[in-house]
């Protein structure tokens, strides 16, 4: 999951809202395109991958 989130955010330049919606569509959550949810997913994914969510790569 973390690797997929990284692809969306870093490689495909998805916004936090787009990450949230893609995750909702793929994994079935109730959050839809909630920006806070997308940011939280990106932060957790970066941490799991040993990367810094605050680095330009992720932002």
Protein backbone atom coordinates (compact mmCIF):
# COMPACT_ATOMS: atom_id res chain seq x y z
CA UNK A 1 0.00 0.00 0.00
CA UNK A 2 2.78 2.42 0.89
CA UNK A 3 4.48 1.83 -2.45
CA UNK A 4 1.23 2.51 -4.33
CA UNK A 5 0.63 5.72 -2.39
CA UNK A 6 4.18 6.83 -3.23
CA UNK A 7 3.57 6.20 -6.93
CA UNK A 8 0.40 8.29 -6.85
CA UNK A 9 1.90 11.19 -4.91
CA UNK A 10 5.53 11.26 -6.08
CA UNK A 11 5.59 9.66 -9.53
CA UNK A 12 2.15 10.65 -10.80
CA UNK A 13 1.95 13.98 -8.90
CA UNK A 14 -1.49 13.36 -7.39
CA UNK A 15 -2.85 15.98 -5.00
CA UNK A 16 -3.74 14.85 -1.47
CA UNK A 17 -7.38 14.79 -2.53
CA UNK A 18 -6.55 12.63 -5.55
CA UNK A 19 -4.51 10.23 -3.38
CA UNK A 20 -7.45 9.94 -0.99
CA UNK A 21 -9.90 9.26 -3.82
CA UNK A 22 -7.60 6.71 -5.48
CA UNK A 23 -7.15 4.91 -2.16
CA UNK A 24 -10.91 4.99 -1.55
CA UNK A 25 -11.57 3.57 -5.00
CA UNK A 26 -8.92 0.85 -4.73
CA UNK A 27 -9.24 -0.19 -1.08
CA UNK A 28 -12.78 0.87 -0.24
CA UNK A 29 -12.72 3.44 2.54
CA UNK A 30 -15.44 5.90 3.50
CA UNK A 31 -13.21 8.98 3.25
CA UNK A 32 -13.64 9.76 -0.44
CA UNK A 33 -11.43 12.63 -1.56
CA UNK A 34 -10.85 14.09 1.92
CA UNK A 35 -7.64 16.13 1.79
CA UNK A 36 -6.67 15.35 5.38
CA UNK A 37 -7.04 11.64 4.70
CA UNK A 38 -4.80 11.92 1.64
CA UNK A 39 -2.15 13.81 3.59
CA UNK A 40 -2.26 11.25 6.40
CA UNK A 41 -1.89 8.41 3.91
CA UNK A 42 1.13 10.11 2.34
CA UNK A 43 2.73 10.77 5.71
CA UNK A 44 2.27 7.16 6.82
CA UNK A 45 3.52 5.81 3.49
CA UNK A 46 6.63 7.98 3.56
CA UNK A 47 7.41 6.84 7.10
CA UNK A 48 6.96 3.18 6.16
CA UNK A 49 9.33 3.66 3.22
CA UNK A 50 11.95 5.40 5.36
CA UNK A 51 11.39 8.74 3.66
CA UNK A 52 10.59 12.17 5.03
CA UNK A 53 7.07 13.36 4.31
CA UNK A 54 8.28 16.96 4.63
CA UNK A 55 10.87 16.62 1.86
CA UNK A 56 10.21 18.23 -1.51
CA UNK A 57 9.87 14.75 -3.02
CA UNK A 58 6.55 14.29 -1.22
CA UNK A 59 5.35 17.90 -1.30
